Amino acid sequence: MKRSWSASLLLLAGCATVPERSATDQWYSRLASLCGRAWEGRVVSTDPADASFVGQRLVMHVRQCTDEEIRIPFHVGDDRSRTWVISRTAAGLRLKHDHRHQDGSSDALTMYGGDSRGVGTTVRQEFPADSESIAMFTAQGRAVSNSNVWAVEVGETIFAYELRRPPGPGQRYFRVEFDRGQPVTPPPPPWGG
C-alpha cells in the first residue's frame, strides 16, 4: 500500500506540538483578560504603617491594556495618585509605580519598581527593587526601601498587590486583596487621563 506525500505530511503535521507558553506569558494573559474591569479591595496585612489605608475605599481598575503594557490605577479613597504599570521586557516583566500629584505632574518619588524574578507562576509574579529605584530611594533618604520586593497575584477569585521587606530594621509587609467575584463600576481616570 502506497501513501502519497501529501497524506504523509498531513499525518506529520498532526503530530507537531505547539510550544507551551511560559508561566510569565500565561500570567500576563490572565491579567490582560481583566482589562476594563474594577474591583474593591481591603488591606489584609496588619502593619501599623498601613493605618491610613484601613477604612478607606480601595479600588483597582485594570484600565489600559496592550500586548506590551497594562496600566492599573489604584484609588485610595479620593486619592487617585497611584498607577501600577506592568510591562513586558526581553527577560520577563517589569512593575513600576507611577505616582502623580493632583494636577497630573510627576511626584518626586515615581516610576520605582523592578523586573520579575525568574518566570514566577501563572498566578504570582515578584519584582525586587531595581538599581534605578534603589538609587532614587537612596537619594531621597528612603534607603530602607532598597530591599523592597513587590508581588502581584492574579488568582481565580482574588487579585492581590503586596510589598515585602525582609525581617530586620525597616521590615515591612503590606497586602491588599480585591475580590474578583464582586466587580464595581470603574472609577474616573486618574488626572483626567
C-alpha atoms as a PDB file:
ATOM      1  CA  MET A   1       0.000   0.000   0.000  1.00  0.00           C
ATOM      2  CA  LYS A   2       1.434   3.353  -1.078  1.00  0.00           C
ATOM      3  CA  ARG A   3       0.844   6.603   0.717  1.00  0.00           C
ATOM      4  CA  SER A   4       1.036   9.872  -1.054  1.00  0.00           C
ATOM      5  CA  TRP A   5       3.475  12.509   0.137  1.00  0.00           C
ATOM      6  CA  SER A   6       0.657  14.898   0.951  1.00  0.00           C
ATOM      7  CA  ALA A   7      -1.063  12.327   3.170  1.00  0.00           C
ATOM      8  CA  SER A   8       2.228  11.665   4.989  1.00  0.00           C
ATOM      9  CA  LEU A   9       2.781  15.381   5.526  1.00  0.00           C
ATOM     10  CA  LEU A  10      -0.710  15.764   6.943  1.00  0.00           C
ATOM     11  CA  LEU A  11      -0.059  12.951   9.404  1.00  0.00           C
ATOM     12  CA  LEU A  12       3.223  14.522  10.456  1.00  0.00           C
ATOM     13  CA  ALA A  13       1.641  17.943  10.812  1.00  0.00           C
ATOM     14  CA  GLY A  14      -0.936  16.446  13.151  1.00  0.00           C
ATOM     15  CA  CYS A  15       1.900  15.228  15.378  1.00  0.00           C
ATOM     16  CA  ALA A  16       3.516  18.648  15.676  1.00  0.00           C
ATOM     17  CA  THR A  17       3.307  20.109  19.148  1.00  0.00           C
ATOM     18  CA  VAL A  18       2.542  23.677  19.966  1.00  0.00           C
ATOM     19  CA  PRO A  19       5.179  25.076  22.325  1.00  0.00           C
ATOM     20  CA  GLU A  20       3.852  25.594  25.827  1.00  0.00           C
ATOM     21  CA  ARG A  21       3.574  29.224  26.895  1.00  0.00           C
ATOM     22  CA  SER A  22       5.734  30.265  29.838  1.00  0.00           C
ATOM     23  CA  ALA A  23       4.245  30.994  33.245  1.00  0.00           C
ATOM     24  CA  THR A  24       5.123  34.652  32.632  1.00  0.00           C
ATOM     25  CA  ASP A  25       3.115  34.748  29.384  1.00  0.00           C
ATOM     26  CA  GLN A  26       0.186  32.954  30.986  1.00  0.00           C
ATOM     27  CA  TRP A  27       0.215  35.373  33.940  1.00  0.00           C
ATOM     28  CA  TYR A  28       0.263  38.400  31.627  1.00  0.00           C
ATOM     29  CA  SER A  29      -2.645  36.953  29.610  1.00  0.00           C
ATOM     30  CA  ARG A  30      -4.626  36.353  32.815  1.00  0.00           C
ATOM     31  CA  LEU A  31      -4.077  39.968  33.826  1.00  0.00           C
ATOM     32  CA  ALA A  32      -4.951  41.305  30.356  1.00  0.00           C
ATOM     33  CA  SER A  33      -8.206  39.311  30.437  1.00  0.00           C
ATOM     34  CA  LEU A  34      -9.330  41.594  33.295  1.00  0.00           C
ATOM     35  CA  CYS A  35      -8.998  44.738  31.193  1.00  0.00           C
ATOM     36  CA  GLY A  36     -11.774  47.283  31.615  1.00  0.00           C
ATOM     37  CA  ARG A  37     -12.956  45.925  34.954  1.00  0.00           C
ATOM     38  CA  ALA A  38     -12.547  47.210  38.511  1.00  0.00           C
ATOM     39  CA  TRP A  39     -12.753  45.697  41.983  1.00  0.00           C
ATOM     40  CA  GLU A  40     -12.906  46.966  45.534  1.00  0.00           C
ATOM     41  CA  GLY A  41     -10.365  45.601  47.983  1.00  0.00           C
ATOM     42  CA  ARG A  42      -9.228  45.591  51.564  1.00  0.00           C
ATOM     43  CA  VAL A  43      -5.923  45.601  53.390  1.00  0.00           C
ATOM     44  CA  VAL A  44      -5.333  42.128  54.843  1.00  0.00           C
ATOM     45  CA  SER A  45      -1.933  42.869  56.429  1.00  0.00           C
ATOM     46  CA  THR A  46      -1.623  44.398  59.901  1.00  0.00           C
ATOM     47  CA  ASP A  47       1.467  46.607  59.630  1.00  0.00           C
ATOM     48  CA  PRO A  48       0.862  49.846  61.613  1.00  0.00           C
ATOM     49  CA  ALA A  49       2.306  51.804  58.645  1.00  0.00           C
ATOM     50  CA  ASP A  50      -0.884  50.945  56.723  1.00  0.00           C
ATOM     51  CA  ALA A  51      -3.307  52.549  59.174  1.00  0.00           C
ATOM     52  CA  SER A  52      -4.149  55.313  56.673  1.00  0.00           C
ATOM     53  CA  PHE A  53      -5.430  52.698  54.191  1.00  0.00           C
ATOM     54  CA  VAL A  54      -7.736  50.959  56.658  1.00  0.00           C
ATOM     55  CA  GLY A  55     -11.283  52.264  56.416  1.00  0.00           C
ATOM     56  CA  GLN A  56     -10.676  53.852  53.008  1.00  0.00           C
ATOM     57  CA  ARG A  57     -12.405  52.642  49.858  1.00  0.00           C
ATOM     58  CA  LEU A  58      -9.685  50.832  47.857  1.00  0.00           C
ATOM     59  CA  VAL A  59     -10.374  50.295  44.153  1.00  0.00           C
ATOM     60  CA  MET A  60      -8.129  48.898  41.437  1.00  0.00           C
ATOM     61  CA  HIS A  61      -9.059  49.264  37.774  1.00  0.00           C
ATOM     62  CA  VAL A  62      -7.328  47.316  35.007  1.00  0.00           C
ATOM     63  CA  ARG A  63      -7.723  50.305  32.752  1.00  0.00           C
ATOM     64  CA  GLN A  64      -5.367  50.260  29.751  1.00  0.00           C
ATOM     65  CA  CYS A  65      -4.050  47.095  28.149  1.00  0.00           C
ATOM     66  CA  THR A  66      -1.818  46.397  25.173  1.00  0.00           C
ATOM     67  CA  ASP A  67       0.333  43.425  24.268  1.00  0.00           C
ATOM     68  CA  GLU A  68       3.266  45.270  25.871  1.00  0.00           C
ATOM     69  CA  GLU A  69       1.840  47.234  28.829  1.00  0.00           C
ATOM     70  CA  ILE A  70      -1.021  47.158  31.332  1.00  0.00           C
ATOM     71  CA  ARG A  71      -1.879  50.196  33.485  1.00  0.00           C
ATOM     72  CA  ILE A  72      -3.827  49.691  36.724  1.00  0.00           C
ATOM     73  CA  PRO A  73      -4.878  52.810  38.660  1.00  0.00           C
ATOM     74  CA  PHE A  74      -5.153  52.137  42.398  1.00  0.00           C
ATOM     75  CA  HIS A  75      -7.504  54.539  44.208  1.00  0.00           C
ATOM     76  CA  VAL A  76      -7.322  55.040  47.974  1.00  0.00           C
ATOM     77  CA  GLY A  77     -10.423  56.966  48.955  1.00  0.00           C
ATOM     78  CA  ASP A  78     -10.340  60.162  46.886  1.00  0.00           C
ATOM     79  CA  ASP A  79      -6.585  59.820  46.288  1.00  0.00           C
ATOM     80  CA  ARG A  80      -6.080  58.836  42.644  1.00  0.00           C
ATOM     81  CA  SER A  81      -2.312  59.418  42.604  1.00  0.00           C
ATOM     82  CA  ARG A  82      -1.174  55.806  42.094  1.00  0.00           C
ATOM     83  CA  THR A  83      -0.983  53.622  38.979  1.00  0.00           C
ATOM     84  CA  TRP A  84       0.707  50.233  38.737  1.00  0.00           C
ATOM     85  CA  VAL A  85       2.360  49.843  35.338  1.00  0.00           C
ATOM     86  CA  ILE A  86       3.222  46.304  34.230  1.00  0.00           C
ATOM     87  CA  SER A  87       5.146  45.884  31.003  1.00  0.00           C
ATOM     88  CA  ARG A  88       6.895  43.148  29.102  1.00  0.00           C
ATOM     89  CA  THR A  89      10.698  43.069  28.845  1.00  0.00           C
ATOM     90  CA  ALA A  90      13.039  40.863  26.848  1.00  0.00           C
ATOM     91  CA  ALA A  91      13.610  38.780  30.000  1.00  0.00           C
ATOM     92  CA  GLY A  92      10.133  38.827  31.599  1.00  0.00           C
ATOM     93  CA  LEU A  93       8.006  41.530  33.201  1.00  0.00           C
ATOM     94  CA  ARG A  94       8.523  44.914  34.853  1.00  0.00           C
ATOM     95  CA  LEU A  95       6.416  46.588  37.547  1.00  0.00           C
ATOM     96  CA  LYS A  96       6.646  50.357  38.002  1.00  0.00           C
ATOM     97  CA  HIS A  97       4.700  52.668  40.297  1.00  0.00           C
ATOM     98  CA  ASP A  98       3.561  55.853  38.573  1.00  0.00           C
ATOM     99  CA  HIS A  99       2.847  58.452  41.278  1.00  0.00           C
ATOM    100  CA  ARG A 100       1.341  61.812  40.345  1.00  0.00           C
ATOM    101  CA  HIS A 101       0.155  64.974  42.014  1.00  0.00           C
ATOM    102  CA  GLN A 102      -3.472  66.050  41.696  1.00  0.00           C
ATOM    103  CA  ASP A 103      -2.620  68.173  38.625  1.00  0.00           C
ATOM    104  CA  GLY A 104      -1.075  65.145  36.882  1.00  0.00           C
ATOM    105  CA  SER A 105       2.549  66.191  37.305  1.00  0.00           C
ATOM    106  CA  SER A 106       5.015  63.504  38.408  1.00  0.00           C
ATOM    107  CA  ASP A 107       5.756  63.077  42.092  1.00  0.00           C
ATOM    108  CA  ALA A 108       9.430  63.224  43.141  1.00  0.00           C
ATOM    109  CA  LEU A 109       9.133  59.535  44.027  1.00  0.00           C
ATOM    110  CA  THR A 110       7.728  57.896  40.896  1.00  0.00           C
ATOM    111  CA  MET A 111       8.382  55.103  38.405  1.00  0.00           C
ATOM    112  CA  TYR A 112      10.091  52.942  41.001  1.00  0.00           C
ATOM    113  CA  GLY A 113       9.802  49.164  40.884  1.00  0.00           C
ATOM    114  CA  GLY A 114      11.681  46.261  39.378  1.00  0.00           C
ATOM    115  CA  ASP A 115      11.850  43.346  36.984  1.00  0.00           C
ATOM    116  CA  SER A 116      10.252  39.962  37.597  1.00  0.00           C
ATOM    117  CA  ARG A 117      12.216  37.351  39.468  1.00  0.00           C
ATOM    118  CA  GLY A 118      12.518  34.233  37.296  1.00  0.00           C
ATOM    119  CA  VAL A 119       9.405  33.123  35.437  1.00  0.00           C
ATOM    120  CA  GLY A 120       7.198  33.195  38.532  1.00  0.00           C
ATOM    121  CA  THR A 121       3.967  31.237  38.331  1.00  0.00           C
ATOM    122  CA  THR A 122       0.761  31.601  36.367  1.00  0.00           C
ATOM    123  CA  VAL A 123      -0.748  33.226  39.492  1.00  0.00           C
ATOM    124  CA  ARG A 124       2.102  35.180  41.160  1.00  0.00           C
ATOM    125  CA  GLN A 125       4.948  37.368  39.901  1.00  0.00           C
ATOM    126  CA  GLU A 126       7.559  39.012  42.165  1.00  0.00           C
ATOM    127  CA  PHE A 127       9.503  42.194  41.424  1.00  0.00           C
ATOM    128  CA  PRO A 128      12.586  43.091  43.535  1.00  0.00           C
ATOM    129  CA  ALA A 129      13.649  46.740  43.537  1.00  0.00           C
ATOM    130  CA  ASP A 130      15.850  47.522  40.518  1.00  0.00           C
ATOM    131  CA  SER A 131      19.034  49.607  40.525  1.00  0.00           C
ATOM    132  CA  GLU A 132      17.243  52.778  39.331  1.00  0.00           C
ATOM    133  CA  SER A 133      14.751  52.505  42.183  1.00  0.00           C
ATOM    134  CA  ILE A 134      17.486  51.834  44.734  1.00  0.00           C
ATOM    135  CA  ALA A 135      19.352  54.953  43.546  1.00  0.00           C
ATOM    136  CA  MET A 136      16.122  57.011  43.768  1.00  0.00           C
ATOM    137  CA  PHE A 137      15.267  55.702  47.253  1.00  0.00           C
ATOM    138  CA  THR A 138      18.818  56.365  48.487  1.00  0.00           C
ATOM    139  CA  ALA A 139      18.892  59.892  47.008  1.00  0.00           C
ATOM    140  CA  GLN A 140      15.575  60.724  48.713  1.00  0.00           C
ATOM    141  CA  GLY A 141      16.592  59.377  52.111  1.00  0.00           C
ATOM    142  CA  ARG A 142      14.437  56.256  51.797  1.00  0.00           C
ATOM    143  CA  ALA A 143      17.187  53.621  51.656  1.00  0.00           C
ATOM    144  CA  VAL A 144      15.006  51.391  53.856  1.00  0.00           C
ATOM    145  CA  SER A 145      13.043  50.703  50.638  1.00  0.00           C
ATOM    146  CA  ASN A 146      16.098  49.364  48.780  1.00  0.00           C
ATOM    147  CA  SER A 147      15.174  45.791  49.748  1.00  0.00           C
ATOM    148  CA  ASN A 148      11.548  46.096  48.574  1.00  0.00           C
ATOM    149  CA  VAL A 149      10.024  43.136  46.775  1.00  0.00           C
ATOM    150  CA  TRP A 150       6.590  43.715  45.270  1.00  0.00           C
ATOM    151  CA  ALA A 151       4.281  40.924  44.148  1.00  0.00           C
ATOM    152  CA  VAL A 152       1.114  40.837  42.073  1.00  0.00           C
ATOM    153  CA  GLU A 153      -1.228  37.853  42.109  1.00  0.00           C
ATOM    154  CA  VAL A 154      -3.944  37.164  39.571  1.00  0.00           C
ATOM    155  CA  GLY A 155      -5.905  34.297  41.075  1.00  0.00           C
ATOM    156  CA  GLU A 156      -9.237  32.792  40.125  1.00  0.00           C
ATOM    157  CA  THR A 157     -11.079  34.651  42.895  1.00  0.00           C
ATOM    158  CA  ILE A 158      -8.708  37.417  44.011  1.00  0.00           C
ATOM    159  CA  PHE A 159      -6.275  39.962  42.658  1.00  0.00           C
ATOM    160  CA  ALA A 160      -3.589  40.902  45.193  1.00  0.00           C
ATOM    161  CA  TYR A 161      -0.843  43.501  45.436  1.00  0.00           C
ATOM    162  CA  GLU A 162       1.898  43.022  48.003  1.00  0.00           C
ATOM    163  CA  LEU A 163       5.023  44.750  49.308  1.00  0.00           C
ATOM    164  CA  ARG A 164       7.580  42.979  51.484  1.00  0.00           C
ATOM    165  CA  ARG A 165      10.851  43.906  53.103  1.00  0.00           C
ATOM    166  CA  PRO A 166      12.913  41.249  54.878  1.00  0.00           C
ATOM    167  CA  PRO A 167      12.916  40.907  58.672  1.00  0.00           C
ATOM    168  CA  GLY A 168      15.139  43.396  60.451  1.00  0.00           C
ATOM    169  CA  PRO A 169      15.233  47.194  60.566  1.00  0.00           C
ATOM    170  CA  GLY A 170      12.623  48.546  58.202  1.00  0.00           C
ATOM    171  CA  GLN A 171      10.760  45.238  57.964  1.00  0.00           C
ATOM    172  CA  ARG A 172       7.538  45.741  56.037  1.00  0.00           C
ATOM    173  CA  TYR A 173       4.559  43.730  54.879  1.00  0.00           C
ATOM    174  CA  PHE A 174       1.635  45.308  53.030  1.00  0.00           C
ATOM    175  CA  ARG A 175      -1.013  43.302  51.188  1.00  0.00           C
ATOM    176  CA  VAL A 176      -4.303  44.366  49.663  1.00  0.00           C
ATOM    177  CA  GLU A 177      -6.714  41.832  48.150  1.00  0.00           C
ATOM    178  CA  PHE A 178      -9.507  42.502  45.685  1.00  0.00           C
ATOM    179  CA  ASP A 179     -12.487  40.122  45.448  1.00  0.00           C
ATOM    180  CA  ARG A 180     -12.883  39.316  41.752  1.00  0.00           C
ATOM    181  CA  GLY A 181     -16.365  37.968  42.376  1.00  0.00           C
ATOM    182  CA  GLN A 182     -17.636  41.469  43.126  1.00  0.00           C
ATOM    183  CA  PRO A 183     -16.756  43.876  40.258  1.00  0.00           C
ATOM    184  CA  VAL A 184     -17.539  47.564  40.755  1.00  0.00           C
ATOM    185  CA  THR A 185     -18.141  50.441  38.369  1.00  0.00           C
ATOM    186  CA  PRO A 186     -14.732  51.670  37.201  1.00  0.00           C
ATOM    187  CA  PRO A 187     -13.817  54.994  38.798  1.00  0.00           C
ATOM    188  CA  PRO A 188     -12.996  58.033  36.658  1.00  0.00           C
ATOM    189  CA  PRO A 189      -9.477  58.022  35.241  1.00  0.00           C
ATOM    190  CA  PRO A 190      -6.716  59.498  37.379  1.00  0.00           C
ATOM    191  CA  TRP A 191      -5.513  63.028  36.469  1.00  0.00           C
ATOM    192  CA  GLY A 192      -8.116  63.282  33.712  1.00  0.00           C
ATOM    193  CA  GLY A 193      -6.222  60.799  31.521  1.00  0.00           C
END
